[in-house]
N, C-alpha and C. Protein backbone atom coordinates (compact mmCIF):
# COMPACT_ATOMS: atom_id res chain seq x y z
N MET A 1 106.45 116.90 102.40
CA MET A 1 107.52 116.77 101.45
C MET A 1 107.40 115.41 100.77
N THR A 2 107.41 115.40 99.46
CA THR A 2 107.27 114.18 98.69
C THR A 2 108.63 113.74 98.17
N ASP A 3 108.94 112.48 98.36
CA ASP A 3 110.19 111.95 97.82
C ASP A 3 110.01 111.70 96.33
N VAL A 4 111.03 112.03 95.57
CA VAL A 4 111.04 111.79 94.13
C VAL A 4 111.52 110.36 93.91
N GLN A 5 110.83 109.64 93.05
CA GLN A 5 111.23 108.27 92.74
C GLN A 5 112.49 108.30 91.87
N PRO A 6 113.42 107.39 92.11
CA PRO A 6 114.63 107.35 91.29
C PRO A 6 114.30 107.01 89.84
N GLN A 7 115.17 107.47 88.95
CA GLN A 7 114.99 107.19 87.52
C GLN A 7 115.45 105.79 87.14
N TRP A 8 116.18 105.13 88.02
CA TRP A 8 116.75 103.82 87.74
C TRP A 8 116.30 102.82 88.77
N PRO A 9 116.44 101.53 88.47
CA PRO A 9 116.04 100.50 89.45
C PRO A 9 116.84 100.64 90.75
N ASN A 10 116.21 100.30 91.87
CA ASN A 10 116.86 100.40 93.17
C ASN A 10 118.14 99.58 93.24
N SER A 11 118.19 98.45 92.58
CA SER A 11 119.41 97.64 92.61
C SER A 11 120.58 98.38 91.97
N TRP A 12 120.32 99.17 90.94
CA TRP A 12 121.37 99.97 90.32
C TRP A 12 121.83 101.07 91.27
N ILE A 13 120.86 101.70 91.93
CA ILE A 13 121.19 102.78 92.87
C ILE A 13 122.06 102.23 94.00
N ARG A 14 121.68 101.08 94.55
CA ARG A 14 122.49 100.48 95.62
C ARG A 14 123.91 100.18 95.13
N ALA A 15 124.03 99.74 93.90
CA ALA A 15 125.34 99.39 93.36
C ALA A 15 126.26 100.60 93.21
N VAL A 16 125.69 101.77 92.99
CA VAL A 16 126.52 102.96 92.75
C VAL A 16 126.51 103.95 93.90
N MET A 17 125.99 103.57 95.05
CA MET A 17 125.87 104.52 96.16
C MET A 17 127.20 105.16 96.54
N GLY A 18 128.24 104.36 96.69
CA GLY A 18 129.54 104.92 97.05
C GLY A 18 130.05 105.89 96.00
N THR A 19 129.95 105.49 94.75
CA THR A 19 130.38 106.36 93.65
C THR A 19 129.55 107.63 93.61
N ALA A 20 128.25 107.50 93.85
CA ALA A 20 127.36 108.67 93.83
C ALA A 20 127.72 109.66 94.93
N VAL A 21 128.05 109.17 96.12
CA VAL A 21 128.46 110.07 97.20
C VAL A 21 129.73 110.80 96.80
N LEU A 22 130.70 110.07 96.28
CA LEU A 22 131.96 110.70 95.88
C LEU A 22 131.72 111.74 94.78
N ALA A 23 130.85 111.42 93.83
CA ALA A 23 130.56 112.35 92.73
C ALA A 23 129.93 113.64 93.25
N VAL A 24 129.02 113.52 94.20
CA VAL A 24 128.37 114.71 94.76
C VAL A 24 129.39 115.57 95.51
N LEU A 25 130.31 114.92 96.20
CA LEU A 25 131.30 115.67 96.99
C LEU A 25 132.46 116.19 96.14
N ALA A 26 132.53 115.81 94.87
CA ALA A 26 133.62 116.25 94.01
C ALA A 26 133.63 117.76 93.81
N ASN A 27 132.47 118.40 93.88
CA ASN A 27 132.39 119.83 93.62
C ASN A 27 132.27 120.69 94.86
N GLN A 28 131.82 120.11 95.97
CA GLN A 28 131.69 120.91 97.18
C GLN A 28 131.55 120.02 98.40
N ASP A 29 131.94 120.57 99.54
CA ASP A 29 131.79 119.89 100.82
C ASP A 29 130.34 120.04 101.26
N LEU A 30 129.76 118.95 101.77
CA LEU A 30 128.34 118.97 102.11
C LEU A 30 128.07 118.18 103.38
N HIS A 31 126.95 118.47 104.03
CA HIS A 31 126.47 117.65 105.14
C HIS A 31 125.53 116.59 104.56
N GLY A 32 125.19 115.60 105.36
CA GLY A 32 124.43 114.44 104.89
C GLY A 32 123.12 114.79 104.20
N TYR A 33 122.33 115.69 104.80
CA TYR A 33 121.05 116.04 104.19
C TYR A 33 121.25 116.65 102.80
N ALA A 34 122.27 117.51 102.66
CA ALA A 34 122.54 118.14 101.36
C ALA A 34 122.97 117.11 100.33
N ILE A 35 123.70 116.09 100.77
CA ILE A 35 124.07 115.01 99.84
C ILE A 35 122.80 114.36 99.30
N GLY A 36 121.84 114.09 100.18
CA GLY A 36 120.56 113.52 99.76
C GLY A 36 119.82 114.41 98.78
N GLU A 37 119.86 115.72 99.01
CA GLU A 37 119.20 116.67 98.10
C GLU A 37 119.86 116.62 96.71
N HIS A 38 121.17 116.53 96.67
CA HIS A 38 121.86 116.44 95.39
C HIS A 38 121.53 115.14 94.67
N TRP A 39 121.43 114.05 95.43
CA TRP A 39 121.03 112.78 94.83
C TRP A 39 119.66 112.91 94.19
N LYS A 40 118.74 113.50 94.93
CA LYS A 40 117.37 113.67 94.43
C LYS A 40 117.39 114.50 93.14
N ALA A 41 118.17 115.56 93.12
CA ALA A 41 118.23 116.42 91.94
C ALA A 41 118.84 115.69 90.74
N ARG A 42 119.67 114.71 90.98
CA ARG A 42 120.31 113.95 89.91
C ARG A 42 119.49 112.73 89.48
N GLY A 43 118.32 112.57 90.05
CA GLY A 43 117.45 111.46 89.66
C GLY A 43 117.70 110.16 90.39
N LEU A 44 118.48 110.21 91.48
CA LEU A 44 118.79 108.99 92.24
C LEU A 44 117.83 108.76 93.39
N GLY A 45 116.87 109.64 93.58
CA GLY A 45 115.98 109.54 94.73
C GLY A 45 116.70 110.00 95.98
N ARG A 46 115.99 109.98 97.11
CA ARG A 46 116.61 110.40 98.37
C ARG A 46 117.08 109.15 99.11
N PRO A 47 118.38 109.11 99.45
CA PRO A 47 118.87 107.93 100.18
C PRO A 47 118.31 107.91 101.60
N LYS A 48 118.08 106.75 102.11
CA LYS A 48 117.63 106.61 103.50
C LYS A 48 118.82 106.84 104.41
N GLY A 49 118.58 107.47 105.57
CA GLY A 49 119.66 107.72 106.52
C GLY A 49 120.34 106.44 106.97
N GLY A 50 119.58 105.36 107.05
CA GLY A 50 120.14 104.08 107.45
C GLY A 50 121.07 103.50 106.42
N SER A 51 121.07 104.03 105.21
CA SER A 51 122.00 103.61 104.17
C SER A 51 123.12 104.63 104.00
N LEU A 52 122.75 105.90 103.99
CA LEU A 52 123.71 106.97 103.70
C LEU A 52 124.76 107.12 104.78
N TYR A 53 124.35 107.22 106.03
CA TYR A 53 125.31 107.52 107.09
C TYR A 53 126.30 106.38 107.34
N PRO A 54 125.88 105.13 107.32
CA PRO A 54 126.89 104.06 107.41
C PRO A 54 127.87 104.08 106.23
N LEU A 55 127.36 104.42 105.04
CA LEU A 55 128.22 104.51 103.87
C LEU A 55 129.23 105.64 104.04
N LEU A 56 128.77 106.80 104.51
CA LEU A 56 129.68 107.92 104.75
C LEU A 56 130.75 107.55 105.78
N SER A 57 130.34 106.82 106.80
CA SER A 57 131.28 106.36 107.81
C SER A 57 132.32 105.42 107.20
N ALA A 58 131.86 104.48 106.38
CA ALA A 58 132.78 103.54 105.73
C ALA A 58 133.74 104.27 104.79
N LEU A 59 133.22 105.25 104.04
CA LEU A 59 134.09 106.03 103.15
C LEU A 59 135.12 106.81 103.95
N GLY A 60 134.73 107.27 105.15
CA GLY A 60 135.67 107.96 106.02
C GLY A 60 136.76 107.01 106.53
N GLU A 61 136.37 105.80 106.91
CA GLU A 61 137.34 104.82 107.38
C GLU A 61 138.32 104.42 106.28
N GLU A 62 137.84 104.41 105.04
CA GLU A 62 138.70 104.09 103.89
C GLU A 62 139.63 105.25 103.53
N GLY A 63 139.31 106.45 104.02
CA GLY A 63 140.11 107.63 103.67
C GLY A 63 139.63 108.34 102.42
N ALA A 64 138.47 107.95 101.88
CA ALA A 64 137.93 108.58 100.68
C ALA A 64 137.28 109.93 100.99
N VAL A 65 136.75 110.07 102.20
CA VAL A 65 136.17 111.34 102.65
C VAL A 65 136.71 111.65 104.04
N GLU A 66 136.69 112.92 104.38
CA GLU A 66 137.02 113.33 105.73
C GLU A 66 135.88 114.20 106.24
N THR A 67 135.77 114.30 107.54
CA THR A 67 134.66 115.05 108.13
C THR A 67 135.18 116.17 109.01
N GLU A 68 134.30 117.15 109.17
CA GLU A 68 134.58 118.28 110.05
C GLU A 68 133.26 118.73 110.64
N TRP A 69 133.25 118.97 111.95
CA TRP A 69 132.06 119.49 112.60
C TRP A 69 132.04 121.00 112.45
N THR A 70 130.89 121.53 112.05
CA THR A 70 130.73 122.99 111.99
C THR A 70 129.64 123.37 112.98
N HIS A 71 129.77 124.54 113.54
CA HIS A 71 128.77 125.04 114.48
C HIS A 71 127.85 126.02 113.77
N SER A 72 126.62 126.04 114.21
CA SER A 72 125.62 126.92 113.61
C SER A 72 125.04 127.82 114.69
N GLU A 73 124.78 129.04 114.32
CA GLU A 73 124.15 129.97 115.26
C GLU A 73 122.66 129.69 115.40
N ARG A 74 122.07 129.02 114.39
CA ARG A 74 120.62 128.81 114.39
C ARG A 74 120.21 127.37 114.63
N GLY A 75 121.10 126.53 115.01
CA GLY A 75 120.70 125.14 115.23
C GLY A 75 121.90 124.31 115.63
N PRO A 76 121.71 123.01 115.62
CA PRO A 76 122.81 122.12 116.02
C PRO A 76 123.95 122.16 115.00
N GLY A 77 125.13 121.76 115.45
CA GLY A 77 126.26 121.66 114.54
C GLY A 77 126.00 120.57 113.51
N ARG A 78 126.78 120.62 112.46
CA ARG A 78 126.63 119.63 111.39
C ARG A 78 127.98 119.04 111.05
N ARG A 79 127.93 117.79 110.64
CA ARG A 79 129.14 117.14 110.15
C ARG A 79 129.21 117.38 108.65
N ILE A 80 130.29 117.99 108.23
CA ILE A 80 130.50 118.28 106.82
C ILE A 80 131.46 117.24 106.26
N TYR A 81 131.13 116.73 105.08
CA TYR A 81 131.94 115.70 104.43
C TYR A 81 132.70 116.32 103.26
N ARG A 82 133.98 115.95 103.15
CA ARG A 82 134.86 116.51 102.12
C ARG A 82 135.58 115.35 101.42
N LEU A 83 135.66 115.42 100.11
CA LEU A 83 136.35 114.40 99.32
C LEU A 83 137.86 114.59 99.48
N THR A 84 138.58 113.49 99.69
CA THR A 84 140.03 113.53 99.80
C THR A 84 140.66 113.18 98.45
N GLU A 85 141.97 113.33 98.35
CA GLU A 85 142.65 112.94 97.10
C GLU A 85 142.46 111.44 96.81
N PRO A 86 142.60 110.56 97.81
CA PRO A 86 142.29 109.14 97.51
C PRO A 86 140.84 108.95 97.06
N GLY A 87 139.92 109.75 97.60
CA GLY A 87 138.53 109.68 97.16
C GLY A 87 138.36 110.13 95.73
N ARG A 88 139.10 111.17 95.34
CA ARG A 88 139.05 111.64 93.94
C ARG A 88 139.59 110.58 93.00
N SER A 89 140.67 109.93 93.41
CA SER A 89 141.25 108.85 92.59
C SER A 89 140.26 107.70 92.45
N ARG A 90 139.63 107.33 93.57
CA ARG A 90 138.64 106.25 93.54
C ARG A 90 137.49 106.63 92.62
N LEU A 91 137.00 107.86 92.72
CA LEU A 91 135.90 108.31 91.87
C LEU A 91 136.29 108.22 90.39
N ALA A 92 137.48 108.70 90.05
CA ALA A 92 137.92 108.66 88.65
C ALA A 92 137.97 107.23 88.14
N GLN A 93 138.50 106.31 88.96
CA GLN A 93 138.60 104.91 88.56
C GLN A 93 137.21 104.28 88.39
N GLU A 94 136.30 104.57 89.33
CA GLU A 94 134.97 103.98 89.25
C GLU A 94 134.17 104.53 88.07
N VAL A 95 134.30 105.82 87.79
CA VAL A 95 133.60 106.40 86.63
C VAL A 95 134.15 105.79 85.35
N SER A 96 135.47 105.63 85.28
CA SER A 96 136.08 105.01 84.10
C SER A 96 135.58 103.58 83.92
N SER A 97 135.50 102.84 85.02
CA SER A 97 135.00 101.46 84.94
C SER A 97 133.56 101.42 84.49
N TRP A 98 132.72 102.32 85.00
CA TRP A 98 131.32 102.36 84.57
C TRP A 98 131.21 102.71 83.09
N GLU A 99 132.04 103.64 82.62
CA GLU A 99 132.01 103.99 81.20
C GLU A 99 132.38 102.79 80.35
N GLN A 100 133.38 102.02 80.78
CA GLN A 100 133.76 100.81 80.05
C GLN A 100 132.63 99.78 80.07
N LEU A 101 131.94 99.67 81.20
CA LEU A 101 130.81 98.75 81.29
C LEU A 101 129.71 99.15 80.31
N VAL A 102 129.42 100.43 80.24
CA VAL A 102 128.37 100.90 79.32
C VAL A 102 128.74 100.57 77.88
N VAL A 103 129.99 100.78 77.51
CA VAL A 103 130.44 100.45 76.16
C VAL A 103 130.29 98.95 75.91
N THR A 104 130.64 98.14 76.89
CA THR A 104 130.54 96.69 76.77
C THR A 104 129.10 96.24 76.59
N LEU A 105 128.17 96.93 77.23
CA LEU A 105 126.76 96.52 77.17
C LEU A 105 126.04 97.02 75.93
N ARG A 106 126.61 97.97 75.22
CA ARG A 106 125.95 98.47 74.01
C ARG A 106 125.88 97.38 72.95
N PRO A 107 124.74 97.27 72.30
CA PRO A 107 124.65 96.29 71.21
C PRO A 107 125.62 96.68 70.10
N GLU A 108 126.20 95.68 69.49
CA GLU A 108 127.10 95.95 68.38
C GLU A 108 126.28 96.32 67.16
N THR A 109 126.76 97.26 66.40
CA THR A 109 126.11 97.60 65.14
C THR A 109 126.86 96.90 64.03
N PRO A 110 126.13 96.36 63.07
CA PRO A 110 126.81 95.65 61.98
C PRO A 110 127.69 96.61 61.20
N SER A 111 128.90 96.18 60.89
CA SER A 111 129.78 97.02 60.09
C SER A 111 129.64 96.62 58.63
N ALA A 112 130.16 97.44 57.76
CA ALA A 112 130.07 97.18 56.32
C ALA A 112 130.81 95.91 55.95
N SER A 113 131.85 95.55 56.69
CA SER A 113 132.64 94.37 56.35
C SER A 113 132.07 93.08 56.92
N SER A 114 131.14 93.17 57.89
CA SER A 114 130.60 91.94 58.45
C SER A 114 129.37 91.50 57.65
N PRO A 115 129.24 90.20 57.46
CA PRO A 115 128.10 89.70 56.66
C PRO A 115 126.79 89.92 57.41
N SER A 116 125.76 90.22 56.65
CA SER A 116 124.44 90.38 57.27
C SER A 116 123.90 88.99 57.58
N LYS A 117 122.81 88.94 58.33
CA LYS A 117 122.21 87.65 58.67
C LYS A 117 121.80 86.89 57.43
N GLU A 118 121.27 87.61 56.45
CA GLU A 118 120.79 86.93 55.25
C GLU A 118 121.93 86.43 54.38
N GLU A 119 123.07 87.17 54.38
CA GLU A 119 124.22 86.72 53.57
C GLU A 119 124.85 85.48 54.16
N SER A 120 124.75 85.31 55.48
CA SER A 120 125.39 84.16 56.12
C SER A 120 124.55 82.91 56.07
N ARG A 121 123.37 82.96 55.47
CA ARG A 121 122.51 81.78 55.38
C ARG A 121 122.84 80.92 54.22
């Protein structure tokens, strides 16, 4: 199995890991491996277990996610992660903040009323 390289720098991925977990869980409850598969499909690469599981634990302690053990007839039980209402609120706030950051980082386009570089010389 080959890991897909993320589409963005690792420092960006680390910065959005919590938000990315919440975003993946917004549509369905998942176990840790499935969260990693969704990350990979979204271009974030596969998170390392040493990063993902402590993060899931921290999100659980914050009340953003809750867990439930499920039993399987074909293998070991799995811990399923579910987004809570506080987690949904946090996700909405973080996505809004990221959208504002993107707008802030966009280069300004000259407007018709602003002088061009040559006019201001």
